[in-house]
Amino acid sequence: MTRRAFLAAVPVLLTPLGCGEREPDPEQWVAIDDVPEPIISKARKELPDIKFTRAWKVQRAGKDAYEMRGLTKNGKTREIMIGVDGKVIEIE
Protein backbone atom coordinates (compact mmCIF):
# COMPACT_ATOMS: atom_id res chain seq x y z
CA MET A 1 0.00 0.00 0.00
CA THR A 2 1.39 3.36 -0.92
CA ARG A 3 1.68 6.10 1.62
CA ARG A 4 -0.95 8.16 -0.18
CA ALA A 5 -3.43 5.27 -0.19
CA PHE A 6 -2.73 4.60 3.48
CA LEU A 7 -3.31 8.25 4.45
CA ALA A 8 -6.55 8.27 2.47
CA ALA A 9 -7.74 5.08 4.21
CA VAL A 10 -7.00 6.17 7.79
CA PRO A 11 -10.06 8.46 8.25
CA VAL A 12 -12.34 5.82 6.77
CA LEU A 13 -10.96 3.15 9.06
CA LEU A 14 -11.20 5.33 12.17
CA THR A 15 -14.71 6.65 11.49
CA PRO A 16 -16.47 3.76 13.31
CA LEU A 17 -14.45 4.61 16.41
CA GLY A 18 -15.96 8.08 16.64
CA CYS A 19 -14.32 10.75 18.73
CA GLY A 20 -14.17 8.73 21.91
CA GLU A 21 -17.80 9.43 22.74
CA ARG A 22 -20.14 6.56 23.41
CA GLU A 23 -23.88 6.35 23.05
CA PRO A 24 -25.36 7.20 26.46
CA ASP A 25 -26.55 4.23 28.48
CA PRO A 26 -30.22 3.51 27.64
CA GLU A 27 -30.92 3.22 31.37
CA GLN A 28 -30.16 6.94 31.64
CA TRP A 29 -32.75 7.91 29.02
CA VAL A 30 -35.21 10.53 30.13
CA ALA A 31 -38.48 11.35 28.39
CA ILE A 32 -38.32 14.80 26.82
CA ASP A 33 -41.36 15.74 28.91
CA ASP A 34 -39.35 14.87 32.06
CA VAL A 35 -36.44 17.21 31.27
CA PRO A 36 -36.71 20.21 33.64
CA GLU A 37 -38.39 23.18 31.97
CA PRO A 38 -35.40 25.58 32.34
CA ILE A 39 -33.15 23.02 30.62
CA ILE A 40 -35.46 22.28 27.67
CA SER A 41 -36.20 26.01 27.29
CA LYS A 42 -32.48 26.76 27.07
CA ALA A 43 -32.03 23.98 24.50
CA ARG A 44 -34.89 25.34 22.38
CA LYS A 45 -33.42 28.85 22.61
CA GLU A 46 -29.97 27.66 21.50
CA LEU A 47 -31.28 25.34 18.74
CA PRO A 48 -34.69 26.79 17.82
CA ASP A 49 -35.27 24.75 14.66
CA ILE A 50 -34.66 21.37 16.31
CA LYS A 51 -37.38 18.94 17.29
CA PHE A 52 -35.87 17.19 20.30
CA THR A 53 -36.63 13.48 20.39
CA ARG A 54 -34.32 11.98 23.02
CA ALA A 55 -32.70 13.01 26.27
CA TRP A 56 -30.24 11.46 28.69
CA LYS A 57 -29.17 12.42 32.17
CA VAL A 58 -25.38 12.34 32.16
CA GLN A 59 -22.41 13.50 34.19
CA ARG A 60 -19.72 15.76 32.81
CA ALA A 61 -16.75 16.68 34.98
CA GLY A 62 -18.60 15.31 38.02
CA LYS A 63 -21.67 17.49 37.47
CA ASP A 64 -25.16 16.46 36.38
CA ALA A 65 -26.27 17.49 32.91
CA TYR A 66 -28.84 16.66 30.27
CA GLU A 67 -27.88 15.69 26.75
CA MET A 68 -30.65 16.13 24.19
CA ARG A 69 -30.77 14.98 20.60
CA GLY A 70 -33.08 16.03 17.81
CA LEU A 71 -33.42 16.57 14.09
CA THR A 72 -33.41 19.57 11.81
CA LYS A 73 -36.12 19.90 9.17
CA ASN A 74 -33.76 18.32 6.61
CA GLY A 75 -33.00 15.34 8.89
CA LYS A 76 -29.60 16.35 10.28
CA THR A 77 -29.01 15.18 13.87
CA ARG A 78 -28.06 17.88 16.38
CA GLU A 79 -27.16 17.49 20.04
CA ILE A 80 -26.84 19.83 22.98
CA MET A 81 -25.62 19.21 26.51
CA ILE A 82 -26.77 21.55 29.26
CA GLY A 83 -25.74 21.42 32.91
CA VAL A 84 -28.39 21.45 35.61
CA ASP A 85 -27.17 24.99 36.31
CA GLY A 86 -28.49 25.98 32.86
CA LYS A 87 -25.10 26.51 31.24
CA VAL A 88 -24.51 25.09 27.77
CA ILE A 89 -21.66 22.59 27.90
CA GLU A 90 -21.57 21.44 24.30
CA ILE A 91 -23.44 21.78 21.01
CA GLU A 92 -22.92 19.40 18.10
PDB file of N, CA and C in Angstrom:
ATOM      1  N   MET A   1       0.854  -1.176   0.000  1.00  0.00           N
ATOM      2  CA  MET A   1       0.000   0.000   0.000  1.00  0.00           C
ATOM      3  C   MET A   1       0.895   1.233   0.000  1.00  0.00           C
ATOM      4  N   THR A   2       0.597   2.147  -0.870  1.00  0.00           N
ATOM      5  CA  THR A   2       1.387   3.361  -0.922  1.00  0.00           C
ATOM      6  C   THR A   2       1.022   4.271   0.241  1.00  0.00           C
ATOM      7  N   ARG A   3       1.926   5.180   0.506  1.00  0.00           N
ATOM      8  CA  ARG A   3       1.677   6.104   1.617  1.00  0.00           C
ATOM      9  C   ARG A   3       0.412   6.927   1.377  1.00  0.00           C
ATOM     10  N   ARG A   4       0.226   7.355   0.139  1.00  0.00           N
ATOM     11  CA  ARG A   4      -0.950   8.160  -0.182  1.00  0.00           C
ATOM     12  C   ARG A   4      -2.240   7.362   0.041  1.00  0.00           C
ATOM     13  N   ALA A   5      -2.254   6.115  -0.380  1.00  0.00           N
ATOM     14  CA  ALA A   5      -3.435   5.266  -0.186  1.00  0.00           C
ATOM     15  C   ALA A   5      -3.678   5.028   1.293  1.00  0.00           C
ATOM     16  N   PHE A   6      -2.595   4.827   2.039  1.00  0.00           N
ATOM     17  CA  PHE A   6      -2.731   4.604   3.479  1.00  0.00           C
ATOM     18  C   PHE A   6      -3.335   5.823   4.164  1.00  0.00           C
ATOM     19  N   LEU A   7      -2.809   7.020   3.833  1.00  0.00           N
ATOM     20  CA  LEU A   7      -3.311   8.248   4.449  1.00  0.00           C
ATOM     21  C   LEU A   7      -4.770   8.503   4.069  1.00  0.00           C
ATOM     22  N   ALA A   8      -5.160   8.116   2.877  1.00  0.00           N
ATOM     23  CA  ALA A   8      -6.552   8.271   2.471  1.00  0.00           C
ATOM     24  C   ALA A   8      -7.457   7.290   3.204  1.00  0.00           C
ATOM     25  N   ALA A   9      -6.941   6.116   3.562  1.00  0.00           N
ATOM     26  CA  ALA A   9      -7.741   5.084   4.208  1.00  0.00           C
ATOM     27  C   ALA A   9      -7.901   5.311   5.708  1.00  0.00           C
ATOM     28  N   VAL A  10      -6.974   6.003   6.342  1.00  0.00           N
ATOM     29  CA  VAL A  10      -7.003   6.170   7.792  1.00  0.00           C
ATOM     30  C   VAL A  10      -8.316   6.784   8.295  1.00  0.00           C
ATOM     31  N   PRO A  11      -8.790   7.910   7.737  1.00  0.00           N
ATOM     32  CA  PRO A  11     -10.055   8.462   8.252  1.00  0.00           C
ATOM     33  C   PRO A  11     -11.235   7.504   8.096  1.00  0.00           C
ATOM     34  N   VAL A  12     -11.253   6.769   6.998  1.00  0.00           N
ATOM     35  CA  VAL A  12     -12.343   5.819   6.769  1.00  0.00           C
ATOM     36  C   VAL A  12     -12.294   4.703   7.802  1.00  0.00           C
ATOM     37  N   LEU A  13     -11.105   4.236   8.103  1.00  0.00           N
ATOM     38  CA  LEU A  13     -10.955   3.151   9.062  1.00  0.00           C
ATOM     39  C   LEU A  13     -11.259   3.601  10.488  1.00  0.00           C
ATOM     40  N   LEU A  14     -10.980   4.841  10.809  1.00  0.00           N
ATOM     41  CA  LEU A  14     -11.197   5.334  12.167  1.00  0.00           C
ATOM     42  C   LEU A  14     -12.601   5.859  12.401  1.00  0.00           C
ATOM     43  N   THR A  15     -13.360   6.097  11.356  1.00  0.00           N
ATOM     44  CA  THR A  15     -14.712   6.645  11.486  1.00  0.00           C
ATOM     45  C   THR A  15     -15.590   5.849  12.439  1.00  0.00           C
ATOM     46  N   PRO A  16     -15.602   4.495  12.371  1.00  0.00           N
ATOM     47  CA  PRO A  16     -16.469   3.761  13.308  1.00  0.00           C
ATOM     48  C   PRO A  16     -16.095   3.971  14.774  1.00  0.00           C
ATOM     49  N   LEU A  17     -14.876   4.407  15.033  1.00  0.00           N
ATOM     50  CA  LEU A  17     -14.449   4.611  16.411  1.00  0.00           C
ATOM     51  C   LEU A  17     -14.999   5.898  16.995  1.00  0.00           C
ATOM     52  N   GLY A  18     -15.430   6.816  16.158  1.00  0.00           N
ATOM     53  CA  GLY A  18     -15.964   8.077  16.642  1.00  0.00           C
ATOM     54  C   GLY A  18     -14.872   8.927  17.261  1.00  0.00           C
ATOM     55  N   CYS A  19     -15.266   9.844  18.079  1.00  0.00           N
ATOM     56  CA  CYS A  19     -14.316  10.749  18.729  1.00  0.00           C
ATOM     57  C   CYS A  19     -14.140  10.390  20.192  1.00  0.00           C
ATOM     58  N   GLY A  20     -14.318   9.139  20.530  1.00  0.00           N
ATOM     59  CA  GLY A  20     -14.173   8.732  21.911  1.00  0.00           C
ATOM     60  C   GLY A  20     -15.462   8.812  22.691  1.00  0.00           C
ATOM     61  N   GLU A  21     -16.506   9.329  22.069  1.00  0.00           N
ATOM     62  CA  GLU A  21     -17.796   9.431  22.742  1.00  0.00           C
ATOM     63  C   GLU A  21     -18.567   8.140  22.525  1.00  0.00           C
ATOM     64  N   ARG A  22     -19.300   7.738  23.520  1.00  0.00           N
ATOM     65  CA  ARG A  22     -20.144   6.555  23.412  1.00  0.00           C
ATOM     66  C   ARG A  22     -21.597   6.980  23.468  1.00  0.00           C
ATOM     67  N   GLU A  23     -22.446   6.128  22.934  1.00  0.00           N
ATOM     68  CA  GLU A  23     -23.882   6.352  23.046  1.00  0.00           C
ATOM     69  C   GLU A  23     -24.224   6.289  24.536  1.00  0.00           C
ATOM     70  N   PRO A  24     -24.979   7.247  25.046  1.00  0.00           N
ATOM     71  CA  PRO A  24     -25.357   7.197  26.458  1.00  0.00           C
ATOM     72  C   PRO A  24     -26.087   5.899  26.798  1.00  0.00           C
ATOM     73  N   ASP A  25     -25.918   5.458  27.997  1.00  0.00           N
ATOM     74  CA  ASP A  25     -26.554   4.234  28.483  1.00  0.00           C
ATOM     75  C   ASP A  25     -28.070   4.376  28.392  1.00  0.00           C
ATOM     76  N   PRO A  26     -28.751   3.410  27.747  1.00  0.00           N
ATOM     77  CA  PRO A  26     -30.216   3.507  27.639  1.00  0.00           C
ATOM     78  C   PRO A  26     -30.916   3.615  28.987  1.00  0.00           C
ATOM     79  N   GLU A  27     -30.304   3.122  30.047  1.00  0.00           N
ATOM     80  CA  GLU A  27     -30.917   3.216  31.370  1.00  0.00           C
ATOM     81  C   GLU A  27     -30.942   4.656  31.877  1.00  0.00           C
ATOM     82  N   GLN A  28     -30.186   5.540  31.242  1.00  0.00           N
ATOM     83  CA  GLN A  28     -30.164   6.940  31.645  1.00  0.00           C
ATOM     84  C   GLN A  28     -31.094   7.792  30.779  1.00  0.00           C
ATOM     85  N   TRP A  29     -31.816   7.161  29.852  1.00  0.00           N
ATOM     86  CA  TRP A  29     -32.746   7.908  29.017  1.00  0.00           C
ATOM     87  C   TRP A  29     -33.792   8.582  29.875  1.00  0.00           C
ATOM     88  N   VAL A  30     -34.180   9.749  29.444  1.00  0.00           N
ATOM     89  CA  VAL A  30     -35.211  10.528  30.127  1.00  0.00           C
ATOM     90  C   VAL A  30     -36.204  10.962  29.053  1.00  0.00           C
ATOM     91  N   ALA A  31     -37.477  10.846  29.336  1.00  0.00           N
ATOM     92  CA  ALA A  31     -38.480  11.347  28.394  1.00  0.00           C
ATOM     93  C   ALA A  31     -38.299  12.858  28.258  1.00  0.00           C
ATOM     94  N   ILE A  32     -38.458  13.363  27.043  1.00  0.00           N
ATOM     95  CA  ILE A  32     -38.324  14.803  26.818  1.00  0.00           C
ATOM     96  C   ILE A  32     -39.228  15.585  27.767  1.00  0.00           C
ATOM     97  N   ASP A  33     -40.420  15.068  28.012  1.00  0.00           N
ATOM     98  CA  ASP A  33     -41.359  15.742  28.914  1.00  0.00           C
ATOM     99  C   ASP A  33     -40.863  15.776  30.361  1.00  0.00           C
ATOM    100  N   ASP A  34     -39.879  14.916  30.700  1.00  0.00           N
ATOM    101  CA  ASP A  34     -39.350  14.874  32.061  1.00  0.00           C
ATOM    102  C   ASP A  34     -38.093  15.723  32.250  1.00  0.00           C
ATOM    103  N   VAL A  35     -37.595  16.310  31.157  1.00  0.00           N
ATOM    104  CA  VAL A  35     -36.442  17.208  31.272  1.00  0.00           C
ATOM    105  C   VAL A  35     -36.950  18.493  31.936  1.00  0.00           C
ATOM    106  N   PRO A  36     -36.247  18.983  32.957  1.00  0.00           N
ATOM    107  CA  PRO A  36     -36.713  20.205  33.642  1.00  0.00           C
ATOM    108  C   PRO A  36     -36.944  21.361  32.657  1.00  0.00           C
ATOM    109  N   GLU A  37     -37.995  22.099  32.877  1.00  0.00           N
ATOM    110  CA  GLU A  37     -38.394  23.182  31.965  1.00  0.00           C
ATOM    111  C   GLU A  37     -37.265  24.180  31.673  1.00  0.00           C
ATOM    112  N   PRO A  38     -36.479  24.628  32.664  1.00  0.00           N
ATOM    113  CA  PRO A  38     -35.403  25.577  32.339  1.00  0.00           C
ATOM    114  C   PRO A  38     -34.363  24.984  31.380  1.00  0.00           C
ATOM    115  N   ILE A  39     -34.144  23.682  31.481  1.00  0.00           N
ATOM    116  CA  ILE A  39     -33.151  23.023  30.618  1.00  0.00           C
ATOM    117  C   ILE A  39     -33.682  22.923  29.188  1.00  0.00           C
ATOM    118  N   ILE A  40     -34.904  22.436  29.014  1.00  0.00           N
ATOM    119  CA  ILE A  40     -35.459  22.285  27.669  1.00  0.00           C
ATOM    120  C   ILE A  40     -35.681  23.655  27.025  1.00  0.00           C
ATOM    121  N   SER A  41     -36.034  24.652  27.820  1.00  0.00           N
ATOM    122  CA  SER A  41     -36.203  26.014  27.286  1.00  0.00           C
ATOM    123  C   SER A  41     -34.874  26.552  26.764  1.00  0.00           C
ATOM    124  N   LYS A  42     -33.817  26.320  27.502  1.00  0.00           N
ATOM    125  CA  LYS A  42     -32.484  26.761  27.069  1.00  0.00           C
ATOM    126  C   LYS A  42     -32.086  26.048  25.785  1.00  0.00           C
ATOM    127  N   ALA A  43     -32.358  24.750  25.700  1.00  0.00           N
ATOM    128  CA  ALA A  43     -32.032  23.984  24.495  1.00  0.00           C
ATOM    129  C   ALA A  43     -32.800  24.526  23.294  1.00  0.00           C
ATOM    130  N   ARG A  44     -34.060  24.816  23.485  1.00  0.00           N
ATOM    131  CA  ARG A  44     -34.887  25.341  22.384  1.00  0.00           C
ATOM    132  C   ARG A  44     -34.448  26.748  21.977  1.00  0.00           C
ATOM    133  N   LYS A  45     -33.935  27.511  22.928  1.00  0.00           N
ATOM    134  CA  LYS A  45     -33.423  28.849  22.615  1.00  0.00           C
ATOM    135  C   LYS A  45     -32.128  28.740  21.793  1.00  0.00           C
ATOM    136  N   GLU A  46     -31.253  27.820  22.184  1.00  0.00           N
ATOM    137  CA  GLU A  46     -29.970  27.660  21.496  1.00  0.00           C
ATOM    138  C   GLU A  46     -30.121  27.003  20.117  1.00  0.00           C
ATOM    139  N   LEU A  47     -31.050  26.066  19.994  1.00  0.00           N
ATOM    140  CA  LEU A  47     -31.281  25.344  18.738  1.00  0.00           C
ATOM    141  C   LEU A  47     -32.781  25.418  18.412  1.00  0.00           C
ATOM    142  N   PRO A  48     -33.251  26.584  17.974  1.00  0.00           N
ATOM    143  CA  PRO A  48     -34.695  26.789  17.824  1.00  0.00           C
ATOM    144  C   PRO A  48     -35.377  25.943  16.748  1.00  0.00           C
ATOM    145  N   ASP A  49     -34.654  25.508  15.750  1.00  0.00           N
ATOM    146  CA  ASP A  49     -35.269  24.753  14.659  1.00  0.00           C
ATOM    147  C   ASP A  49     -35.189  23.243  14.849  1.00  0.00           C
ATOM    148  N   ILE A  50     -34.830  22.797  16.049  1.00  0.00           N
ATOM    149  CA  ILE A  50     -34.662  21.372  16.312  1.00  0.00           C
ATOM    150  C   ILE A  50     -35.879  20.824  17.037  1.00  0.00           C
ATOM    151  N   LYS A  51     -36.327  19.666  16.578  1.00  0.00           N
ATOM    152  CA  LYS A  51     -37.382  18.936  17.290  1.00  0.00           C
ATOM    153  C   LYS A  51     -36.671  17.872  18.121  1.00  0.00           C
ATOM    154  N   PHE A  52     -36.575  18.116  19.427  1.00  0.00           N
ATOM    155  CA  PHE A  52     -35.865  17.189  20.304  1.00  0.00           C
ATOM    156  C   PHE A  52     -36.667  15.905  20.481  1.00  0.00           C
ATOM    157  N   THR A  53     -35.968  14.787  20.348  1.00  0.00           N
ATOM    158  CA  THR A  53     -36.632  13.481  20.393  1.00  0.00           C
ATOM    159  C   THR A  53     -36.112  12.571  21.493  1.00  0.00           C
ATOM    160  N   ARG A  54     -34.910  12.827  21.981  1.00  0.00           N
ATOM    161  CA  ARG A  54     -34.319  11.979  23.020  1.00  0.00           C
ATOM    162  C   ARG A  54     -33.558  12.832  24.011  1.00  0.00           C
ATOM    163  N   ALA A  55     -33.476  12.323  25.237  1.00  0.00           N
ATOM    164  CA  ALA A  55     -32.701  13.009  26.274  1.00  0.00           C
ATOM    165  C   ALA A  55     -32.086  11.970  27.194  1.00  0.00           C
ATOM    166  N   TRP A  56     -30.933  12.313  27.731  1.00  0.00           N
ATOM    167  CA  TRP A  56     -30.239  11.464  28.691  1.00  0.00           C
ATOM    168  C   TRP A  56     -29.772  12.323  29.843  1.00  0.00           C
ATOM    169  N   LYS A  57     -29.788  11.761  31.028  1.00  0.00           N
ATOM    170  CA  LYS A  57     -29.174  12.423  32.170  1.00  0.00           C
ATOM    171  C   LYS A  57     -27.761  11.865  32.248  1.00  0.00           C
ATOM    172  N   VAL A  58     -26.778  12.744  32.205  1.00  0.00           N
ATOM    173  CA  VAL A  58     -25.378  12.340  32.157  1.00  0.00           C
ATOM    174  C   VAL A  58     -24.586  13.124  33.194  1.00  0.00           C
ATOM    175  N   GLN A  59     -23.330  12.742  33.340  1.00  0.00           N
ATOM    176  CA  GLN A  59     -22.412  13.504  34.191  1.00  0.00           C
ATOM    177  C   GLN A  59     -21.249  13.956  33.342  1.00  0.00           C
ATOM    178  N   ARG A  60     -20.875  15.214  33.512  1.00  0.00           N
ATOM    179  CA  ARG A  60     -19.723  15.763  32.815  1.00  0.00           C
ATOM    180  C   ARG A  60     -18.895  16.497  33.846  1.00  0.00           C
ATOM    181  N   ALA A  61     -17.657  16.079  34.001  1.00  0.00           N
ATOM    182  CA  ALA A  61     -16.748  16.680  34.985  1.00  0.00           C
ATOM    183  C   ALA A  61     -17.357  16.624  36.383  1.00  0.00           C
ATOM    184  N   GLY A  62     -18.041  15.515  36.696  1.00  0.00           N
ATOM    185  CA  GLY A  62     -18.599  15.314  38.018  1.00  0.00           C
ATOM    186  C   GLY A  62     -19.892  16.065  38.297  1.00  0.00           C
ATOM    187  N   LYS A  63     -20.434  16.725  37.275  1.00  0.00           N
ATOM    188  CA  LYS A  63     -21.668  17.488  37.468  1.00  0.00           C
ATOM    189  C   LYS A  63     -22.781  16.903  36.610  1.00  0.00           C
ATOM    190  N   ASP A  64     -24.016  16.957  37.123  1.00  0.00           N
ATOM    191  CA  ASP A  64     -25.159  16.457  36.376  1.00  0.00           C
ATOM    192  C   ASP A  64     -25.468  17.371  35.202  1.00  0.00           C
ATOM    193  N   ALA A  65     -25.903  16.743  34.115  1.00  0.00           N
ATOM    194  CA  ALA A  65     -26.272  17.490  32.913  1.00  0.00           C
ATOM    195  C   ALA A  65     -27.301  16.683  32.138  1.00  0.00           C
ATOM    196  N   TYR A  66     -27.914  17.319  31.181  1.00  0.00           N
ATOM    197  CA  TYR A  66     -28.835  16.656  30.270  1.00  0.00           C
ATOM    198  C   TYR A  66     -28.290  16.799  28.859  1.00  0.00           C
ATOM    199  N   GLU A  67     -28.252  15.686  28.157  1.00  0.00           N
ATOM    200  CA  GLU A  67     -27.882  15.685  26.753  1.00  0.00           C
ATOM    201  C   GLU A  67     -29.158  15.416  25.967  1.00  0.00           C
ATOM    202  N   MET A  68     -29.434  16.281  24.989  1.00  0.00           N
ATOM    203  CA  MET A  68     -30.647  16.133  24.194  1.00  0.00           C
ATOM    204  C   MET A  68     -30.280  16.040  22.729  1.00  0.00           C
ATOM    205  N   ARG A  69     -31.019  15.208  22.011  1.00  0.00           N
ATOM    206  CA  ARG A  69     -30.767  14.976  20.598  1.00  0.00           C
ATOM    207  C   ARG A  69     -32.062  15.200  19.826  1.00  0.00           C
ATOM    208  N   GLY A  70     -31.924  15.798  18.658  1.00  0.00           N
ATOM    209  CA  GLY A  70     -33.084  16.027  17.810  1.00  0.00           C
ATOM    210  C   GLY A  70     -32.677  16.180  16.368  1.00  0.00           C
ATOM    211  N   LEU A  71     -33.645  16.480  15.526  1.00  0.00           N
ATOM    212  CA  LEU A  71     -33.419  16.567  14.087  1.00  0.00           C
ATOM    213  C   LEU A  71     -33.802  17.940  13.555  1.00  0.00           C
ATOM    214  N   THR A  72     -33.040  18.371  12.545  1.00  0.00           N
ATOM    215  CA  THR A  72     -33.408  19.565  11.810  1.00  0.00           C
ATOM    216  C   THR A  72     -34.507  19.187  10.819  1.00  0.00           C
ATOM    217  N   LYS A  73     -35.074  20.167  10.149  1.00  0.00           N
ATOM    218  CA  LYS A  73     -36.121  19.903   9.166  1.00  0.00           C
ATOM    219  C   LYS A  73     -35.622  19.039   8.008  1.00  0.00           C
ATOM    220  N   ASN A  74     -34.307  19.126   7.707  1.00  0.00           N
ATOM    221  CA  ASN A  74     -33.765  18.317   6.614  1.00  0.00           C
ATOM    222  C   ASN A  74     -33.169  17.001   7.099  1.00  0.00           C
ATOM    223  N   GLY A  75     -33.393  16.649   8.373  1.00  0.00           N
ATOM    224  CA  GLY A  75     -32.997  15.342   8.891  1.00  0.00           C
ATOM    225  C   GLY A  75     -31.621  15.252   9.520  1.00  0.00           C
ATOM    226  N   LYS A  76     -30.921  16.362   9.656  1.00  0.00           N
ATOM    227  CA  LYS A  76     -29.602  16.347  10.283  1.00  0.00           C
ATOM    228  C   LYS A  76     -29.745  16.248  11.802  1.00  0.00           C
ATOM    229  N   THR A  77     -28.971  15.354  12.421  1.00  0.00           N
ATOM    230  CA  THR A  77     -29.011  15.184  13.873  1.00  0.00           C
ATOM    231  C   THR A  77     -28.189  16.275  14.547  1.00  0.00           C
ATOM    232  N   ARG A  78     -28.762  16.877  15.568  1.00  0.00           N
ATOM    233  CA  ARG A  78     -28.064  17.879  16.383  1.00  0.00           C
ATOM    234  C   ARG A  78     -28.183  17.469  17.841  1.00  0.00           C
ATOM    235  N   GLU A  79     -27.173  17.816  18.618  1.00  0.00           N
ATOM    236  CA  GLU A  79     -27.162  17.492  20.044  1.00  0.00           C
ATOM    237  C   GLU A  79     -26.742  18.714  20.842  1.00  0.00           C
ATOM    238  N   ILE A  80     -27.238  18.774  22.053  1.00  0.00           N
ATOM    239  CA  ILE A  80     -26.837  19.825  22.977  1.00  0.00           C
ATOM    240  C   ILE A  80     -26.751  19.218  24.370  1.00  0.00           C
ATOM    241  N   MET A  81     -25.760  19.644  25.122  1.00  0.00           N
ATOM    242  CA  MET A  81     -25.624  19.211  26.513  1.00  0.00           C
ATOM    243  C   MET A  81     -25.680  20.463  27.386  1.00  0.00           C
ATOM    244  N   ILE A  82     -26.572  20.412  28.369  1.00  0.00           N
ATOM    245  CA  ILE A  82     -26.771  21.554  29.263  1.00  0.00           C
ATOM    246  C   ILE A  82     -26.680  21.066  30.699  1.00  0.00           C
ATOM    247  N   GLY A  83     -25.872  21.752  31.498  1.00  0.00           N
ATOM    248  CA  GLY A  83     -25.738  21.419  32.911  1.00  0.00           C
ATOM    249  C   GLY A  83     -27.013  21.774  33.660  1.00  0.00           C
ATOM    250  N   VAL A  84     -27.197  21.147  34.809  1.00  0.00           N
ATOM    251  CA  VAL A  84     -28.394  21.450  35.606  1.00  0.00           C
ATOM    252  C   VAL A  84     -28.391  22.907  36.076  1.00  0.00           C
ATOM    253  N   ASP A  85     -27.242  23.562  35.984  1.00  0.00           N
ATOM    254  CA  ASP A  85     -27.167  24.992  36.313  1.00  0.00           C
ATOM    255  C   ASP A  85     -27.631  25.873  35.154  1.00  0.00           C
ATOM    256  N   GLY A  86     -27.993  25.251  34.012  1.00  0.00           N
ATOM    257  CA  GLY A  86     -28.491  25.983  32.859  1.00  0.00           C
ATOM    258  C   GLY A  86     -27.435  26.442  31.877  1.00  0.00           C
ATOM    259  N   LYS A  87     -26.174  26.107  32.136  1.00  0.00           N
ATOM    260  CA  LYS A  87     -25.100  26.513  31.236  1.00  0.00           C
ATOM    261  C   LYS A  87     -24.912  25.470  30.134  1.00  0.00           C
ATOM    262  N   VAL A  88     -24.754  25.969  28.903  1.00  0.00           N
ATOM    263  CA  VAL A  88     -24.510  25.094  27.768  1.00  0.00           C
ATOM    264  C   VAL A  88     -23.086  24.546  27.868  1.00  0.00           C
ATOM    265  N   ILE A  89     -22.969  23.225  27.820  1.00  0.00           N
ATOM    266  CA  ILE A  89     -21.659  22.586  27.903  1.00  0.00           C
ATOM    267  C   ILE A  89     -21.129  22.288  26.517  1.00  0.00           C
ATOM    268  N   GLU A  90     -22.018  21.844  25.628  1.00  0.00           N
ATOM    269  CA  GLU A  90     -21.572  21.441  24.304  1.00  0.00           C
ATOM    270  C   GLU A  90     -22.746  21.457  23.332  1.00  0.00           C
ATOM    271  N   ILE A  91     -22.452  21.862  22.077  1.00  0.00           N
ATOM    272  CA  ILE A  91     -23.436  21.781  21.006  1.00  0.00           C
ATOM    273  C   ILE A  91     -22.755  21.094  19.839  1.00  0.00           C
ATOM    274  N   GLU A  92     -23.434  20.105  19.290  1.00  0.00           N
ATOM    275  CA  GLU A  92     -22.923  19.405  18.097  1.00  0.00           C
ATOM    276  C   GLU A  92     -23.929  19.525  16.989  1.00  0.00           C
TER     277      GLU A  92
END
